[in-house]
Amino acid sequence: MSSLEINSSSFNQETKLPSSPPLVEGSACEPLGEDLNEVEENSKDIIKFTSEKLSIDEVSQLVISPLCGAVSLFVGTTRNNFEGKKVISLEYEAYLPMAENEIRKICSDIRQKWPVKHIAVFHRLGSVPVSEASIIIAVSSAHRAESLQAVSYAIDTLKAKVPIWKKEMYEESSSSWKKNKECFWATGD
């Protein structure tokens, strides 16, 4: 049997979900007269550039909201190869004042296009070893479609507009600054 097959004989066919106990007036399980739709929470845009290792858990926790049923993430990592060369790390540099401003604009654009709650964009600067995250984008929304579309838009637009430069460090002691094909300001060939 392959690891993807499920053996139905290992499940008890008579297993039932437990029923919820009836609510007793004044019990801890009873809602406290609050309408869950009245819960207010200010939307947040969290932008961070750091030389420290990025944490997927930390970033995803920042966008979780009781008002949302979806958190979508994009995690960009350093891969170990490029065009037949062995990559040992990436090095990132950014023009921070402009980069932060452009990411704020991306967050604003997202809010114009989709009903999202929280947005977090964390980007690593300096050296990023193979398999570690260079960027984490997290978006929460009531439903998955909006947060998935927003995350896709965020990474595509970030790569096209934000002044962040990537240098690949190769095993054979060479390196190469990478031209971002999506970037509108770097197309002057």
N, C-alpha and C. Protein backbone atom coordinates (compact mmCIF):
# COMPACT_ATOMS: atom_id res chain seq x y z
N MET A 1 0.85 -1.17 0.00
CA MET A 1 0.00 0.00 0.00
C MET A 1 0.90 1.23 0.00
N SER A 2 0.63 2.20 -0.90
CA SER A 2 1.42 3.42 -0.94
C SER A 2 1.06 4.30 0.24
N SER A 3 1.92 5.28 0.51
CA SER A 3 1.68 6.14 1.66
C SER A 3 0.47 7.04 1.48
N LEU A 4 -0.04 7.15 0.26
CA LEU A 4 -1.20 8.00 0.02
C LEU A 4 -2.52 7.25 0.13
N GLU A 5 -2.47 5.95 0.18
CA GLU A 5 -3.70 5.17 0.29
C GLU A 5 -4.18 5.16 1.73
N ILE A 6 -5.49 5.11 1.89
CA ILE A 6 -6.08 5.04 3.23
C ILE A 6 -6.77 3.70 3.36
N ASN A 7 -6.44 2.99 4.40
CA ASN A 7 -7.03 1.70 4.66
C ASN A 7 -8.28 1.92 5.51
N SER A 8 -9.44 1.74 4.91
CA SER A 8 -10.69 2.03 5.63
C SER A 8 -10.91 1.09 6.81
N SER A 9 -10.24 -0.05 6.84
CA SER A 9 -10.43 -0.97 7.96
C SER A 9 -9.80 -0.43 9.24
N SER A 10 -8.94 0.60 9.13
CA SER A 10 -8.32 1.15 10.32
C SER A 10 -9.21 2.18 11.02
N PHE A 11 -10.36 2.48 10.44
CA PHE A 11 -11.29 3.42 11.05
C PHE A 11 -12.50 2.68 11.58
N ASN A 12 -12.98 3.08 12.72
CA ASN A 12 -14.18 2.52 13.29
C ASN A 12 -15.37 3.15 12.57
N GLN A 13 -16.14 2.35 11.88
CA GLN A 13 -17.26 2.86 11.09
C GLN A 13 -18.37 3.45 11.95
N GLU A 14 -18.36 3.18 13.25
CA GLU A 14 -19.42 3.67 14.11
C GLU A 14 -19.01 4.93 14.89
N THR A 15 -17.85 5.48 14.57
CA THR A 15 -17.41 6.67 15.27
C THR A 15 -18.31 7.84 14.93
N LYS A 16 -18.74 8.55 15.95
CA LYS A 16 -19.61 9.71 15.76
C LYS A 16 -18.97 10.89 16.46
N LEU A 17 -19.25 12.07 15.93
CA LEU A 17 -18.76 13.27 16.59
C LEU A 17 -19.54 13.48 17.87
N PRO A 18 -18.88 13.99 18.89
CA PRO A 18 -19.61 14.25 20.14
C PRO A 18 -20.61 15.37 19.93
N SER A 19 -21.76 15.23 20.57
CA SER A 19 -22.75 16.30 20.45
C SER A 19 -22.41 17.39 21.45
N SER A 20 -22.77 18.62 21.12
CA SER A 20 -22.51 19.74 22.02
C SER A 20 -23.49 19.71 23.16
N PRO A 21 -23.03 20.00 24.36
CA PRO A 21 -23.97 20.04 25.48
C PRO A 21 -24.89 21.24 25.32
N PRO A 22 -26.12 21.15 25.81
CA PRO A 22 -27.03 22.30 25.69
C PRO A 22 -26.48 23.46 26.52
N LEU A 23 -26.73 24.67 26.03
CA LEU A 23 -26.29 25.84 26.76
C LEU A 23 -27.18 26.06 27.96
N VAL A 24 -26.57 26.34 29.08
CA VAL A 24 -27.30 26.65 30.29
C VAL A 24 -27.16 28.15 30.53
N GLU A 25 -28.25 28.82 30.79
CA GLU A 25 -28.20 30.27 30.97
C GLU A 25 -27.17 30.61 32.04
N GLY A 26 -26.28 31.56 31.68
CA GLY A 26 -25.24 31.99 32.62
C GLY A 26 -24.01 31.10 32.61
N SER A 27 -23.97 30.07 31.75
CA SER A 27 -22.79 29.20 31.72
C SER A 27 -21.66 29.87 30.96
N ALA A 28 -20.45 29.37 31.12
CA ALA A 28 -19.27 29.94 30.47
C ALA A 28 -19.32 29.78 28.96
N CYS A 29 -20.12 28.85 28.46
CA CYS A 29 -20.20 28.61 27.02
C CYS A 29 -21.16 29.55 26.32
N GLU A 30 -21.98 30.23 27.07
CA GLU A 30 -22.99 31.09 26.46
C GLU A 30 -22.36 32.41 26.02
N PRO A 31 -22.67 32.88 24.81
CA PRO A 31 -22.16 34.19 24.40
C PRO A 31 -22.60 35.26 25.38
N LEU A 32 -21.75 36.24 25.62
CA LEU A 32 -22.00 37.25 26.63
C LEU A 32 -22.83 38.41 26.11
N GLY A 33 -23.80 38.15 25.27
CA GLY A 33 -24.66 39.19 24.76
C GLY A 33 -24.00 40.01 23.65
N GLU A 34 -22.79 39.62 23.23
CA GLU A 34 -22.11 40.35 22.18
C GLU A 34 -22.47 39.76 20.83
N ASP A 35 -22.73 40.62 19.90
CA ASP A 35 -22.94 40.18 18.53
C ASP A 35 -21.56 40.08 17.90
N LEU A 36 -21.18 38.89 17.44
CA LEU A 36 -19.84 38.70 16.88
C LEU A 36 -19.57 39.62 15.69
N ASN A 37 -20.62 40.05 15.00
CA ASN A 37 -20.45 40.96 13.87
C ASN A 37 -20.09 42.37 14.33
N GLU A 38 -20.27 42.66 15.62
CA GLU A 38 -19.96 43.98 16.13
C GLU A 38 -18.51 44.10 16.61
N VAL A 39 -17.76 43.00 16.58
CA VAL A 39 -16.36 43.05 17.00
C VAL A 39 -15.61 43.94 16.01
N GLU A 40 -14.94 44.95 16.55
CA GLU A 40 -14.19 45.86 15.69
C GLU A 40 -12.71 45.62 15.90
N GLU A 41 -11.99 45.72 14.81
CA GLU A 41 -10.55 45.53 14.86
C GLU A 41 -9.97 46.38 13.74
N ASN A 42 -9.04 47.25 14.07
CA ASN A 42 -8.43 48.10 13.06
C ASN A 42 -7.54 47.28 12.13
N SER A 43 -7.61 47.58 10.86
CA SER A 43 -6.75 46.90 9.88
C SER A 43 -5.31 47.34 10.09
N LYS A 44 -4.39 46.41 9.81
CA LYS A 44 -2.97 46.69 10.00
C LYS A 44 -2.20 46.37 8.72
N ASP A 45 -1.23 47.22 8.41
CA ASP A 45 -0.22 46.95 7.38
C ASP A 45 1.11 46.91 8.12
N ILE A 46 1.76 45.77 8.14
CA ILE A 46 3.01 45.60 8.87
C ILE A 46 4.12 45.34 7.85
N ILE A 47 5.08 46.24 7.82
CA ILE A 47 6.18 46.16 6.86
C ILE A 47 7.47 46.12 7.65
N LYS A 48 8.33 45.16 7.31
CA LYS A 48 9.59 45.04 8.05
C LYS A 48 10.70 44.56 7.12
N PHE A 49 11.83 45.25 7.20
CA PHE A 49 13.07 44.82 6.55
C PHE A 49 14.02 44.45 7.68
N THR A 50 14.68 43.31 7.58
CA THR A 50 15.55 42.86 8.66
C THR A 50 16.68 41.99 8.12
N SER A 51 17.76 41.94 8.87
CA SER A 51 18.86 41.03 8.53
C SER A 51 18.71 39.72 9.30
N GLU A 52 17.71 39.65 10.18
CA GLU A 52 17.46 38.45 10.98
C GLU A 52 16.67 37.42 10.17
N LYS A 53 16.80 36.15 10.56
CA LYS A 53 16.04 35.07 9.94
C LYS A 53 14.54 35.33 10.11
N LEU A 54 13.77 35.13 9.03
CA LEU A 54 12.33 35.36 9.06
C LEU A 54 11.60 34.14 9.61
N SER A 55 10.53 34.40 10.36
CA SER A 55 9.72 33.34 10.95
C SER A 55 8.33 33.32 10.32
N ILE A 56 8.00 32.24 9.66
CA ILE A 56 6.68 32.09 9.04
C ILE A 56 5.59 32.17 10.11
N ASP A 57 5.81 31.52 11.25
CA ASP A 57 4.82 31.56 12.34
C ASP A 57 4.59 32.97 12.84
N GLU A 58 5.67 33.72 13.04
CA GLU A 58 5.54 35.09 13.55
C GLU A 58 4.73 35.96 12.59
N VAL A 59 5.05 35.88 11.31
CA VAL A 59 4.37 36.72 10.33
C VAL A 59 2.90 36.31 10.20
N SER A 60 2.63 35.02 10.15
CA SER A 60 1.23 34.60 10.01
C SER A 60 0.41 34.98 11.24
N GLN A 61 0.99 34.92 12.43
CA GLN A 61 0.28 35.30 13.64
C GLN A 61 -0.10 36.78 13.64
N LEU A 62 0.70 37.61 12.99
CA LEU A 62 0.43 39.05 12.95
C LEU A 62 -0.84 39.40 12.18
N VAL A 63 -1.27 38.53 11.26
CA VAL A 63 -2.44 38.85 10.44
C VAL A 63 -3.70 38.08 10.83
N ILE A 64 -3.59 37.17 11.76
CA ILE A 64 -4.76 36.40 12.19
C ILE A 64 -5.77 37.33 12.86
N SER A 65 -7.03 37.11 12.53
CA SER A 65 -8.12 37.92 13.10
C SER A 65 -9.34 37.03 13.30
N PRO A 66 -10.10 37.25 14.38
CA PRO A 66 -11.32 36.48 14.57
C PRO A 66 -12.38 36.81 13.53
N LEU A 67 -12.19 37.89 12.79
CA LEU A 67 -13.13 38.28 11.74
C LEU A 67 -12.84 37.59 10.42
N CYS A 68 -11.73 36.86 10.35
CA CYS A 68 -11.27 36.30 9.08
C CYS A 68 -11.26 34.78 9.09
N GLY A 69 -11.61 34.21 7.96
CA GLY A 69 -11.58 32.77 7.80
C GLY A 69 -10.42 32.30 6.93
N ALA A 70 -9.56 33.25 6.51
CA ALA A 70 -8.45 32.88 5.64
C ALA A 70 -7.21 33.70 5.96
N VAL A 71 -6.07 33.02 5.97
CA VAL A 71 -4.76 33.65 5.98
C VAL A 71 -3.98 33.01 4.86
N SER A 72 -3.55 33.83 3.90
CA SER A 72 -2.77 33.32 2.78
C SER A 72 -1.35 33.83 2.90
N LEU A 73 -0.40 32.95 2.56
CA LEU A 73 1.01 33.28 2.69
C LEU A 73 1.75 33.04 1.38
N PHE A 74 2.74 33.89 1.13
CA PHE A 74 3.74 33.59 0.11
C PHE A 74 5.07 33.62 0.85
N VAL A 75 5.86 32.56 0.66
CA VAL A 75 7.18 32.49 1.26
C VAL A 75 8.17 32.24 0.13
N GLY A 76 9.03 33.22 -0.11
CA GLY A 76 10.07 33.08 -1.12
C GLY A 76 11.35 32.65 -0.45
N THR A 77 11.95 31.55 -0.92
CA THR A 77 13.16 31.01 -0.30
C THR A 77 14.32 30.98 -1.29
N THR A 78 15.51 30.83 -0.75
CA THR A 78 16.72 30.72 -1.57
C THR A 78 16.82 29.28 -2.07
N ARG A 79 16.88 29.13 -3.39
CA ARG A 79 17.07 27.78 -3.94
C ARG A 79 18.57 27.55 -4.16
N ASN A 80 18.96 26.30 -4.33
CA ASN A 80 20.37 25.95 -4.38
C ASN A 80 20.99 25.95 -5.77
N ASN A 81 20.25 26.42 -6.78
CA ASN A 81 20.81 26.38 -8.13
C ASN A 81 20.22 27.48 -8.99
N PHE A 82 21.00 27.88 -9.99
CA PHE A 82 20.52 28.81 -11.01
C PHE A 82 21.36 28.61 -12.25
N GLU A 83 20.69 28.27 -13.35
CA GLU A 83 21.34 28.05 -14.65
C GLU A 83 22.58 27.16 -14.54
N GLY A 84 22.43 26.05 -13.83
CA GLY A 84 23.49 25.06 -13.71
C GLY A 84 24.57 25.39 -12.70
N LYS A 85 24.47 26.52 -12.03
CA LYS A 85 25.45 26.89 -11.01
C LYS A 85 24.88 26.59 -9.64
N LYS A 86 25.77 26.17 -8.73
CA LYS A 86 25.33 25.88 -7.37
C LYS A 86 25.32 27.18 -6.56
N VAL A 87 24.14 27.57 -6.10
CA VAL A 87 23.96 28.78 -5.31
C VAL A 87 24.14 28.41 -3.83
N ILE A 88 24.95 29.23 -3.12
CA ILE A 88 25.14 28.97 -1.69
C ILE A 88 24.36 29.97 -0.83
N SER A 89 24.05 31.14 -1.40
CA SER A 89 23.24 32.12 -0.68
C SER A 89 22.83 33.23 -1.64
N LEU A 90 21.92 34.06 -1.17
CA LEU A 90 21.54 35.28 -1.87
C LEU A 90 21.89 36.44 -0.96
N GLU A 91 22.21 37.57 -1.55
CA GLU A 91 22.44 38.79 -0.79
C GLU A 91 21.47 39.83 -1.28
N TYR A 92 20.76 40.47 -0.36
CA TYR A 92 19.78 41.48 -0.71
C TYR A 92 20.19 42.85 -0.19
N GLU A 93 19.96 43.85 -1.03
CA GLU A 93 20.11 45.25 -0.64
C GLU A 93 18.84 45.97 -1.05
N ALA A 94 18.55 47.07 -0.36
CA ALA A 94 17.35 47.84 -0.70
C ALA A 94 17.60 49.31 -0.40
N TYR A 95 16.93 50.15 -1.15
CA TYR A 95 16.86 51.58 -0.83
C TYR A 95 15.64 51.71 0.07
N LEU A 96 15.88 51.68 1.39
CA LEU A 96 14.79 51.51 2.36
C LEU A 96 13.70 52.57 2.32
N PRO A 97 14.01 53.86 2.28
CA PRO A 97 12.90 54.83 2.28
C PRO A 97 11.93 54.61 1.10
N MET A 98 12.49 54.39 -0.08
CA MET A 98 11.63 54.17 -1.25
C MET A 98 10.97 52.80 -1.20
N ALA A 99 11.69 51.78 -0.74
CA ALA A 99 11.13 50.43 -0.66
C ALA A 99 9.92 50.40 0.28
N GLU A 100 10.06 51.01 1.45
CA GLU A 100 8.95 51.05 2.40
C GLU A 100 7.76 51.81 1.82
N ASN A 101 8.02 52.92 1.17
CA ASN A 101 6.96 53.71 0.56
C ASN A 101 6.24 52.92 -0.54
N GLU A 102 6.98 52.22 -1.37
CA GLU A 102 6.37 51.42 -2.44
C GLU A 102 5.54 50.27 -1.88
N ILE A 103 5.99 49.66 -0.81
CA ILE A 103 5.21 48.57 -0.20
C ILE A 103 3.94 49.13 0.43
N ARG A 104 4.01 50.31 1.03
CA ARG A 104 2.78 50.95 1.55
C ARG A 104 1.78 51.17 0.42
N LYS A 105 2.28 51.60 -0.75
CA LYS A 105 1.40 51.80 -1.90
C LYS A 105 0.77 50.47 -2.34
N ILE A 106 1.55 49.40 -2.32
CA ILE A 106 1.03 48.07 -2.67
C ILE A 106 -0.08 47.68 -1.69
N CYS A 107 0.13 47.91 -0.40
CA CYS A 107 -0.90 47.60 0.60
C CYS A 107 -2.16 48.41 0.33
N SER A 108 -1.99 49.68 0.01
CA SER A 108 -3.14 50.54 -0.30
C SER A 108 -3.88 50.03 -1.55
N ASP A 109 -3.12 49.65 -2.58
CA ASP A 109 -3.74 49.10 -3.79
C ASP A 109 -4.53 47.83 -3.48
N ILE A 110 -3.96 46.98 -2.66
CA ILE A 110 -4.64 45.73 -2.28
C ILE A 110 -5.97 46.06 -1.61
N ARG A 111 -5.96 47.02 -0.70
CA ARG A 111 -7.19 47.39 0.02
C ARG A 111 -8.23 48.00 -0.91
N GLN A 112 -7.80 48.61 -2.01
CA GLN A 112 -8.74 49.14 -3.00
C GLN A 112 -9.37 48.01 -3.83
N LYS A 113 -8.61 46.93 -4.03
CA LYS A 113 -9.05 45.85 -4.91
C LYS A 113 -9.82 44.73 -4.18
N TRP A 114 -9.43 44.44 -2.92
CA TRP A 114 -10.02 43.30 -2.21
C TRP A 114 -10.33 43.68 -0.77
N PRO A 115 -11.38 43.07 -0.20
CA PRO A 115 -11.72 43.33 1.21
C PRO A 115 -10.85 42.47 2.14
N VAL A 116 -9.65 42.94 2.40
CA VAL A 116 -8.73 42.20 3.27
C VAL A 116 -8.65 42.90 4.62
N LYS A 117 -8.21 42.17 5.63
CA LYS A 117 -8.11 42.75 6.99
C LYS A 117 -6.70 43.22 7.30
N HIS A 118 -5.75 42.30 7.36
CA HIS A 118 -4.38 42.64 7.72
C HIS A 118 -3.42 42.20 6.62
N ILE A 119 -2.33 42.96 6.47
CA ILE A 119 -1.30 42.65 5.49
C ILE A 119 0.05 42.75 6.19
N ALA A 120 0.90 41.75 6.00
CA ALA A 120 2.27 41.80 6.52
C ALA A 120 3.23 41.47 5.38
N VAL A 121 4.26 42.30 5.25
CA VAL A 121 5.31 42.07 4.25
C VAL A 121 6.65 42.17 4.98
N PHE A 122 7.33 41.04 5.10
CA PHE A 122 8.64 41.01 5.74
C PHE A 122 9.66 40.60 4.69
N HIS A 123 10.75 41.38 4.58
CA HIS A 123 11.81 41.07 3.60
C HIS A 123 13.15 41.04 4.31
N ARG A 124 13.90 40.04 3.98
CA ARG A 124 15.23 39.87 4.55
C ARG A 124 16.23 40.69 3.75
N LEU A 125 17.20 41.26 4.42
CA LEU A 125 18.31 41.96 3.79
C LEU A 125 19.60 41.28 4.21
N GLY A 126 20.65 41.48 3.43
CA GLY A 126 21.91 40.81 3.72
C GLY A 126 21.90 39.41 3.16
N SER A 127 22.70 38.53 3.78
CA SER A 127 22.87 37.16 3.29
C SER A 127 21.72 36.25 3.72
N VAL A 128 21.19 35.50 2.75
CA VAL A 128 20.11 34.54 3.02
C VAL A 128 20.55 33.17 2.49
N PRO A 129 20.90 32.24 3.39
CA PRO A 129 21.35 30.91 2.96
C PRO A 129 20.25 30.12 2.25
N VAL A 130 20.67 29.07 1.56
CA VAL A 130 19.76 28.16 0.86
C VAL A 130 18.69 27.65 1.83
N SER A 131 17.47 27.61 1.34
CA SER A 131 16.27 27.10 2.04
C SER A 131 15.68 28.07 3.06
N GLU A 132 16.34 29.18 3.34
CA GLU A 132 15.75 30.16 4.25
C GLU A 132 14.91 31.16 3.48
N ALA A 133 13.95 31.77 4.18
CA ALA A 133 13.02 32.71 3.55
C ALA A 133 13.68 34.07 3.32
N SER A 134 13.48 34.58 2.11
CA SER A 134 13.90 35.94 1.76
C SER A 134 12.74 36.91 1.97
N ILE A 135 11.54 36.43 1.73
CA ILE A 135 10.34 37.26 1.85
C ILE A 135 9.18 36.42 2.34
N ILE A 136 8.37 37.04 3.20
CA ILE A 136 7.10 36.42 3.62
C ILE A 136 6.03 37.50 3.49
N ILE A 137 4.99 37.17 2.77
CA ILE A 137 3.83 38.05 2.63
C ILE A 137 2.64 37.29 3.19
N ALA A 138 1.90 37.92 4.10
CA ALA A 138 0.72 37.29 4.70
C ALA A 138 -0.45 38.27 4.60
N VAL A 139 -1.61 37.72 4.24
CA VAL A 139 -2.83 38.54 4.12
C VAL A 139 -3.99 37.76 4.72
N SER A 140 -4.79 38.45 5.53
CA SER A 140 -6.00 37.81 6.07
C SER A 140 -7.23 38.47 5.47
N SER A 141 -8.26 37.65 5.30
CA SER A 141 -9.53 38.13 4.77
C SER A 141 -10.63 37.18 5.22
N ALA A 142 -11.86 37.60 5.02
CA ALA A 142 -12.99 36.76 5.43
C ALA A 142 -13.02 35.45 4.66
N HIS A 143 -12.64 35.51 3.37
CA HIS A 143 -12.70 34.33 2.50
C HIS A 143 -11.37 34.16 1.77
N ARG A 144 -11.06 32.94 1.36
CA ARG A 144 -9.75 32.62 0.79
C ARG A 144 -9.46 33.31 -0.53
N ALA A 145 -10.43 33.47 -1.39
CA ALA A 145 -10.17 34.01 -2.73
C ALA A 145 -9.50 35.38 -2.65
N GLU A 146 -10.00 36.24 -1.77
CA GLU A 146 -9.46 37.59 -1.66
C GLU A 146 -8.02 37.58 -1.16
N SER A 147 -7.73 36.80 -0.13
CA SER A 147 -6.36 36.80 0.41
C SER A 147 -5.38 36.14 -0.56
N LEU A 148 -5.82 35.10 -1.27
CA LEU A 148 -4.95 34.47 -2.26
C LEU A 148 -4.62 35.43 -3.40
N GLN A 149 -5.63 36.13 -3.90
CA GLN A 149 -5.40 37.11 -4.98
C GLN A 149 -4.51 38.25 -4.49
N ALA A 150 -4.73 38.70 -3.27
CA ALA A 150 -3.94 39.81 -2.73
C ALA A 150 -2.47 39.43 -2.57
N VAL A 151 -2.20 38.22 -2.09
CA VAL A 151 -0.82 37.77 -1.93
C VAL A 151 -0.12 37.68 -3.29
N SER A 152 -0.80 37.14 -4.27
CA SER A 152 -0.23 37.04 -5.62
C SER A 152 0.08 38.43 -6.18
N TYR A 153 -0.86 39.33 -6.04
CA TYR A 153 -0.67 40.71 -6.50
C TYR A 153 0.51 41.35 -5.76
N ALA A 154 0.60 41.13 -4.46
CA ALA A 154 1.65 41.75 -3.65
C ALA A 154 3.04 41.32 -4.12
N ILE A 155 3.28 40.02 -4.32
CA ILE A 155 4.62 39.59 -4.72
C ILE A 155 4.93 40.03 -6.14
N ASP A 156 3.97 39.94 -7.04
CA ASP A 156 4.22 40.37 -8.43
C ASP A 156 4.52 41.86 -8.50
N THR A 157 3.78 42.66 -7.77
CA THR A 157 3.97 44.11 -7.80
C THR A 157 5.25 44.50 -7.07
N LEU A 158 5.54 43.84 -5.97
CA LEU A 158 6.78 44.11 -5.24
C LEU A 158 7.99 43.87 -6.15
N LYS A 159 8.00 42.75 -6.85
CA LYS A 159 9.12 42.45 -7.74
C LYS A 159 9.25 43.46 -8.87
N ALA A 160 8.13 44.04 -9.29
CA ALA A 160 8.14 44.99 -10.40
C ALA A 160 8.49 46.42 -9.98
N LYS A 161 8.17 46.79 -8.73
CA LYS A 161 8.26 48.21 -8.38
C LYS A 161 9.17 48.56 -7.21
N VAL A 162 9.50 47.62 -6.37
CA VAL A 162 10.22 47.96 -5.14
C VAL A 162 11.74 47.84 -5.36
N PRO A 163 12.51 48.88 -4.97
CA PRO A 163 13.96 48.86 -5.19
C PRO A 163 14.70 47.95 -4.21
N ILE A 164 14.66 46.67 -4.55
CA ILE A 164 15.37 45.64 -3.80
C ILE A 164 16.23 44.89 -4.81
N TRP A 165 17.52 44.73 -4.49
CA TRP A 165 18.44 44.08 -5.42
C TRP A 165 18.94 42.77 -4.82
N LYS A 166 19.08 41.78 -5.69
CA LYS A 166 19.47 40.42 -5.27
C LYS A 166 20.77 40.04 -5.97
N LYS A 167 21.71 39.53 -5.18
CA LYS A 167 22.98 39.03 -5.71
C LYS A 167 23.08 37.55 -5.36
N GLU A 168 23.32 36.71 -6.36
CA GLU A 168 23.48 35.28 -6.11
C GLU A 168 24.94 34.98 -5.85
N MET A 169 25.19 34.25 -4.77
CA MET A 169 26.55 33.83 -4.41
C MET A 169 26.69 32.36 -4.80
N TYR A 170 27.69 32.08 -5.64
CA TYR A 170 27.87 30.73 -6.16
C TYR A 170 28.99 29.99 -5.42
N GLU A 171 28.93 28.67 -5.45
CA GLU A 171 29.91 27.83 -4.77
C GLU A 171 31.32 28.09 -5.28
N GLU A 172 31.47 28.35 -6.58
CA GLU A 172 32.81 28.53 -7.15
C GLU A 172 33.35 29.94 -6.93
N SER A 173 32.93 30.60 -5.84
CA SER A 173 33.43 31.91 -5.42
C SER A 173 33.05 33.06 -6.34
N SER A 174 32.19 32.84 -7.28
CA SER A 174 31.74 33.95 -8.11
C SER A 174 30.36 34.39 -7.63
N SER A 175 29.93 35.54 -8.13
CA SER A 175 28.60 36.02 -7.78
C SER A 175 28.06 36.81 -8.96
N SER A 176 26.75 37.05 -8.91
CA SER A 176 26.11 37.76 -10.00
C SER A 176 24.90 38.51 -9.49
N TRP A 177 24.87 39.84 -9.75
CA TRP A 177 23.66 40.60 -9.45
C TRP A 177 22.61 40.20 -10.46
N LYS A 178 21.41 39.96 -10.01
CA LYS A 178 20.34 39.49 -10.88
C LYS A 178 19.47 40.65 -11.31
N LYS A 179 19.22 40.73 -12.60
CA LYS A 179 18.29 41.72 -13.13
C LYS A 179 16.88 41.18 -12.93
N ASN A 180 16.04 41.99 -12.36
CA ASN A 180 14.66 41.60 -12.13
C ASN A 180 13.88 41.88 -13.41
N LYS A 181 13.50 40.84 -14.12
CA LYS A 181 12.80 40.99 -15.40
C LYS A 181 11.46 41.70 -15.26
N GLU A 182 10.84 41.59 -14.07
CA GLU A 182 9.53 42.22 -13.87
C GLU A 182 9.65 43.71 -13.55
N CYS A 183 10.85 44.17 -13.21
CA CYS A 183 11.02 45.52 -12.69
C CYS A 183 10.95 46.56 -13.80
N PHE A 184 10.01 47.51 -13.67
CA PHE A 184 9.82 48.53 -14.72
C PHE A 184 10.97 49.51 -14.79
N TRP A 185 11.69 49.78 -13.69
CA TRP A 185 12.75 50.78 -13.71
C TRP A 185 14.10 50.20 -14.11
N ALA A 186 14.17 48.90 -14.36
CA ALA A 186 15.44 48.29 -14.74
C ALA A 186 15.40 47.75 -16.17
N THR A 187 14.54 48.29 -17.02
CA THR A 187 14.38 47.76 -18.37
C THR A 187 15.16 48.54 -19.42
N GLY A 188 16.05 49.40 -19.00
CA GLY A 188 16.80 50.23 -19.95
C GLY A 188 17.94 49.50 -20.63
N ASP A 189 17.65 48.45 -21.40
CA ASP A 189 18.70 47.70 -22.12
C ASP A 189 19.11 48.45 -23.36
